[in-house]
Amino acid sequence: MTGGLWRVPERGTKLPNLSLNLYIRSKIRQYDANPASLANNVKKLQGWEDEYRLRIGDWRVIFTQDGVVLNVLKVSPRGSACED
């Protein structure tokens, strides 16, 4: 994507503290700028169409990507990220 756009959900999980929020946002930006840098932490979700999971410690970021825009659908703790 090389520095494309990325969007966060209007509503979602409130992260417990500012430093965690900034850390997760920095990892999303890092993946957006250079997907190969976090390739071992990204997995396409089975049973979902074009949705991926980015693993950041005990947190999971569910997102879609179309080559230009990385659309963050959900940020959740491990274990509850893929539940709907």
N, C-alpha and C. Protein backbone atom coordinates (compact mmCIF):
# COMPACT_ATOMS: atom_id res chain seq x y z
N MET A 1 0.79 -1.18 0.00
CA MET A 1 0.00 0.00 0.00
C MET A 1 0.84 1.26 0.00
N THR A 2 2.02 1.15 0.49
CA THR A 2 3.00 2.23 0.49
C THR A 2 2.43 3.58 0.92
N GLY A 3 1.99 3.62 2.16
CA GLY A 3 1.54 4.88 2.72
C GLY A 3 0.18 5.34 2.25
N GLY A 4 -0.70 4.42 1.93
CA GLY A 4 -2.04 4.78 1.48
C GLY A 4 -2.90 5.27 2.63
N LEU A 5 -4.17 5.33 2.38
CA LEU A 5 -5.11 5.77 3.39
C LEU A 5 -5.47 4.60 4.29
N TRP A 6 -5.83 4.90 5.52
CA TRP A 6 -6.40 3.87 6.40
C TRP A 6 -7.45 4.51 7.26
N ARG A 7 -8.50 3.74 7.51
CA ARG A 7 -9.64 4.24 8.27
C ARG A 7 -9.88 3.37 9.48
N VAL A 8 -10.29 3.99 10.56
CA VAL A 8 -10.64 3.25 11.78
C VAL A 8 -12.16 3.26 11.92
N PRO A 9 -12.71 2.28 12.62
CA PRO A 9 -14.17 2.24 12.77
C PRO A 9 -14.69 3.43 13.55
N GLU A 10 -15.92 3.83 13.26
CA GLU A 10 -16.56 4.94 13.97
C GLU A 10 -16.68 4.62 15.46
N ARG A 11 -17.07 3.38 15.76
CA ARG A 11 -17.19 2.97 17.16
C ARG A 11 -16.46 1.64 17.30
N GLY A 12 -16.06 1.31 18.47
CA GLY A 12 -15.34 0.05 18.66
C GLY A 12 -14.77 -0.02 20.06
N THR A 13 -13.83 -0.91 20.23
CA THR A 13 -13.22 -1.12 21.52
C THR A 13 -12.42 0.10 21.93
N LYS A 14 -12.64 0.56 23.14
CA LYS A 14 -11.80 1.62 23.67
C LYS A 14 -10.59 0.95 24.30
N LEU A 15 -9.44 1.34 23.85
CA LEU A 15 -8.22 0.75 24.36
C LEU A 15 -7.96 1.28 25.76
N PRO A 16 -7.39 0.43 26.63
CA PRO A 16 -7.27 0.78 28.04
C PRO A 16 -6.39 1.99 28.35
N ASN A 17 -5.44 2.30 27.49
CA ASN A 17 -4.60 3.46 27.78
C ASN A 17 -4.06 4.07 26.50
N LEU A 18 -3.59 5.28 26.62
CA LEU A 18 -3.11 6.04 25.47
C LEU A 18 -1.89 5.39 24.83
N SER A 19 -0.96 4.87 25.62
CA SER A 19 0.25 4.30 25.04
C SER A 19 -0.08 3.07 24.20
N LEU A 20 -1.02 2.25 24.63
CA LEU A 20 -1.44 1.09 23.84
C LEU A 20 -2.12 1.55 22.55
N ASN A 21 -2.94 2.57 22.65
CA ASN A 21 -3.62 3.13 21.49
C ASN A 21 -2.58 3.61 20.47
N LEU A 22 -1.60 4.35 20.91
CA LEU A 22 -0.56 4.86 20.01
C LEU A 22 0.27 3.73 19.42
N TYR A 23 0.56 2.71 20.23
CA TYR A 23 1.35 1.57 19.75
C TYR A 23 0.60 0.82 18.64
N ILE A 24 -0.69 0.56 18.85
CA ILE A 24 -1.47 -0.15 17.84
C ILE A 24 -1.58 0.69 16.57
N ARG A 25 -1.82 1.97 16.71
CA ARG A 25 -1.88 2.85 15.54
C ARG A 25 -0.55 2.86 14.79
N SER A 26 0.57 2.84 15.52
CA SER A 26 1.87 2.84 14.86
C SER A 26 2.09 1.55 14.07
N LYS A 27 1.61 0.42 14.60
CA LYS A 27 1.73 -0.85 13.89
C LYS A 27 0.85 -0.88 12.65
N ILE A 28 -0.33 -0.28 12.73
CA ILE A 28 -1.21 -0.19 11.55
C ILE A 28 -0.53 0.67 10.48
N ARG A 29 0.04 1.79 10.89
CA ARG A 29 0.76 2.64 9.94
C ARG A 29 1.96 1.91 9.35
N GLN A 30 2.67 1.15 10.18
CA GLN A 30 3.83 0.40 9.70
C GLN A 30 3.40 -0.61 8.65
N TYR A 31 2.32 -1.34 8.90
CA TYR A 31 1.82 -2.31 7.92
C TYR A 31 1.35 -1.60 6.65
N ASP A 32 0.71 -0.47 6.79
CA ASP A 32 0.23 0.28 5.65
C ASP A 32 1.39 0.74 4.77
N ALA A 33 2.46 1.20 5.38
CA ALA A 33 3.61 1.69 4.64
C ALA A 33 4.43 0.57 4.01
N ASN A 34 4.54 -0.56 4.72
CA ASN A 34 5.38 -1.66 4.23
C ASN A 34 4.79 -2.99 4.70
N PRO A 35 3.84 -3.56 3.94
CA PRO A 35 3.18 -4.80 4.36
C PRO A 35 4.15 -5.96 4.64
N ALA A 36 5.27 -6.00 3.96
CA ALA A 36 6.22 -7.09 4.16
C ALA A 36 6.83 -7.07 5.56
N SER A 37 6.87 -5.89 6.19
CA SER A 37 7.49 -5.78 7.51
C SER A 37 6.72 -6.54 8.59
N LEU A 38 5.42 -6.71 8.41
CA LEU A 38 4.61 -7.43 9.39
C LEU A 38 3.90 -8.63 8.78
N ALA A 39 4.42 -9.13 7.67
CA ALA A 39 3.75 -10.22 6.95
C ALA A 39 3.54 -11.46 7.81
N ASN A 40 4.46 -11.74 8.73
CA ASN A 40 4.31 -12.93 9.58
C ASN A 40 3.22 -12.75 10.64
N ASN A 41 2.70 -11.54 10.82
CA ASN A 41 1.64 -11.28 11.79
C ASN A 41 0.28 -11.03 11.15
N VAL A 42 0.20 -11.21 9.82
CA VAL A 42 -1.06 -10.99 9.11
C VAL A 42 -1.54 -12.32 8.54
N LYS A 43 -2.83 -12.57 8.71
CA LYS A 43 -3.41 -13.81 8.22
C LYS A 43 -4.78 -13.52 7.62
N LYS A 44 -5.06 -14.11 6.45
CA LYS A 44 -6.39 -13.99 5.85
C LYS A 44 -7.34 -14.85 6.66
N LEU A 45 -8.50 -14.31 6.99
CA LEU A 45 -9.46 -15.03 7.81
C LEU A 45 -10.25 -16.02 6.97
N GLN A 46 -10.34 -17.25 7.43
CA GLN A 46 -11.12 -18.26 6.74
C GLN A 46 -12.60 -18.01 6.95
N GLY A 47 -13.38 -18.21 5.90
CA GLY A 47 -14.82 -18.03 5.99
C GLY A 47 -15.25 -16.58 5.88
N TRP A 48 -14.33 -15.68 5.71
CA TRP A 48 -14.62 -14.26 5.55
C TRP A 48 -14.10 -13.85 4.17
N GLU A 49 -14.76 -12.91 3.57
CA GLU A 49 -14.33 -12.48 2.24
C GLU A 49 -13.42 -11.26 2.36
N ASP A 50 -12.19 -11.43 1.93
CA ASP A 50 -11.22 -10.32 1.89
C ASP A 50 -10.98 -9.64 3.22
N GLU A 51 -11.06 -10.38 4.31
CA GLU A 51 -10.78 -9.80 5.62
C GLU A 51 -9.54 -10.47 6.21
N TYR A 52 -8.74 -9.66 6.87
CA TYR A 52 -7.46 -10.11 7.41
C TYR A 52 -7.37 -9.78 8.89
N ARG A 53 -6.44 -10.46 9.56
CA ARG A 53 -6.17 -10.22 10.97
C ARG A 53 -4.72 -9.82 11.13
N LEU A 54 -4.46 -8.73 11.82
CA LEU A 54 -3.12 -8.30 12.17
C LEU A 54 -2.94 -8.55 13.65
N ARG A 55 -1.93 -9.33 14.00
CA ARG A 55 -1.66 -9.67 15.39
C ARG A 55 -0.67 -8.66 15.97
N ILE A 56 -1.09 -8.01 17.06
CA ILE A 56 -0.23 -7.05 17.76
C ILE A 56 -0.26 -7.41 19.23
N GLY A 57 0.67 -8.23 19.67
CA GLY A 57 0.68 -8.69 21.06
C GLY A 57 -0.58 -9.46 21.37
N ASP A 58 -1.31 -9.05 22.42
CA ASP A 58 -2.56 -9.70 22.80
C ASP A 58 -3.77 -9.06 22.13
N TRP A 59 -3.55 -8.18 21.17
CA TRP A 59 -4.62 -7.49 20.47
C TRP A 59 -4.67 -7.93 19.02
N ARG A 60 -5.85 -7.87 18.42
CA ARG A 60 -6.05 -8.24 17.02
C ARG A 60 -6.75 -7.10 16.31
N VAL A 61 -6.28 -6.81 15.10
CA VAL A 61 -6.89 -5.79 14.26
C VAL A 61 -7.48 -6.52 13.05
N ILE A 62 -8.79 -6.41 12.88
CA ILE A 62 -9.45 -7.02 11.73
C ILE A 62 -9.61 -5.91 10.69
N PHE A 63 -9.20 -6.20 9.44
CA PHE A 63 -9.23 -5.15 8.42
C PHE A 63 -9.44 -5.74 7.04
N THR A 64 -9.81 -4.86 6.10
CA THR A 64 -9.86 -5.20 4.69
C THR A 64 -8.88 -4.27 3.98
N GLN A 65 -8.47 -4.66 2.79
CA GLN A 65 -7.58 -3.80 2.01
C GLN A 65 -7.92 -3.96 0.54
N ASP A 66 -7.85 -2.86 -0.17
CA ASP A 66 -8.15 -2.92 -1.60
C ASP A 66 -6.99 -2.41 -2.45
N GLY A 67 -5.83 -2.31 -1.87
CA GLY A 67 -4.66 -1.85 -2.60
C GLY A 67 -4.37 -0.37 -2.35
N VAL A 68 -5.39 0.40 -2.02
CA VAL A 68 -5.22 1.82 -1.75
C VAL A 68 -5.62 2.14 -0.32
N VAL A 69 -6.75 1.61 0.11
CA VAL A 69 -7.28 1.91 1.44
C VAL A 69 -7.22 0.68 2.32
N LEU A 70 -6.68 0.83 3.51
CA LEU A 70 -6.71 -0.20 4.53
C LEU A 70 -7.82 0.20 5.49
N ASN A 71 -8.90 -0.57 5.51
CA ASN A 71 -10.09 -0.22 6.30
C ASN A 71 -10.12 -1.08 7.56
N VAL A 72 -9.86 -0.46 8.71
CA VAL A 72 -9.87 -1.18 9.98
C VAL A 72 -11.32 -1.38 10.42
N LEU A 73 -11.71 -2.65 10.59
CA LEU A 73 -13.08 -2.97 10.98
C LEU A 73 -13.23 -3.08 12.48
N LYS A 74 -12.19 -3.61 13.14
CA LYS A 74 -12.32 -3.91 14.57
C LYS A 74 -10.95 -4.03 15.20
N VAL A 75 -10.82 -3.55 16.43
CA VAL A 75 -9.63 -3.75 17.25
C VAL A 75 -10.13 -4.38 18.54
N SER A 76 -9.67 -5.61 18.83
CA SER A 76 -10.18 -6.36 19.98
C SER A 76 -9.08 -7.14 20.65
N PRO A 77 -9.30 -7.49 21.92
CA PRO A 77 -8.36 -8.38 22.60
C PRO A 77 -8.38 -9.77 21.95
N ARG A 78 -7.29 -10.46 22.07
CA ARG A 78 -7.19 -11.82 21.54
C ARG A 78 -8.32 -12.68 22.10
N GLY A 79 -8.89 -13.52 21.26
CA GLY A 79 -9.96 -14.42 21.70
C GLY A 79 -11.34 -13.92 21.32
N SER A 80 -11.53 -12.61 21.30
CA SER A 80 -12.85 -12.10 20.93
C SER A 80 -12.83 -11.33 19.62
N ALA A 81 -11.68 -11.30 18.95
CA ALA A 81 -11.54 -10.49 17.75
C ALA A 81 -12.40 -10.98 16.59
N CYS A 82 -12.51 -12.28 16.41
CA CYS A 82 -13.23 -12.81 15.24
C CYS A 82 -14.68 -13.12 15.52
N GLU A 83 -15.15 -12.84 16.71
CA GLU A 83 -16.57 -13.05 17.03
C GLU A 83 -17.37 -11.88 16.49
N ASP A 84 -18.59 -12.16 16.08
CA ASP A 84 -19.46 -11.08 15.60
C ASP A 84 -20.69 -10.92 16.43
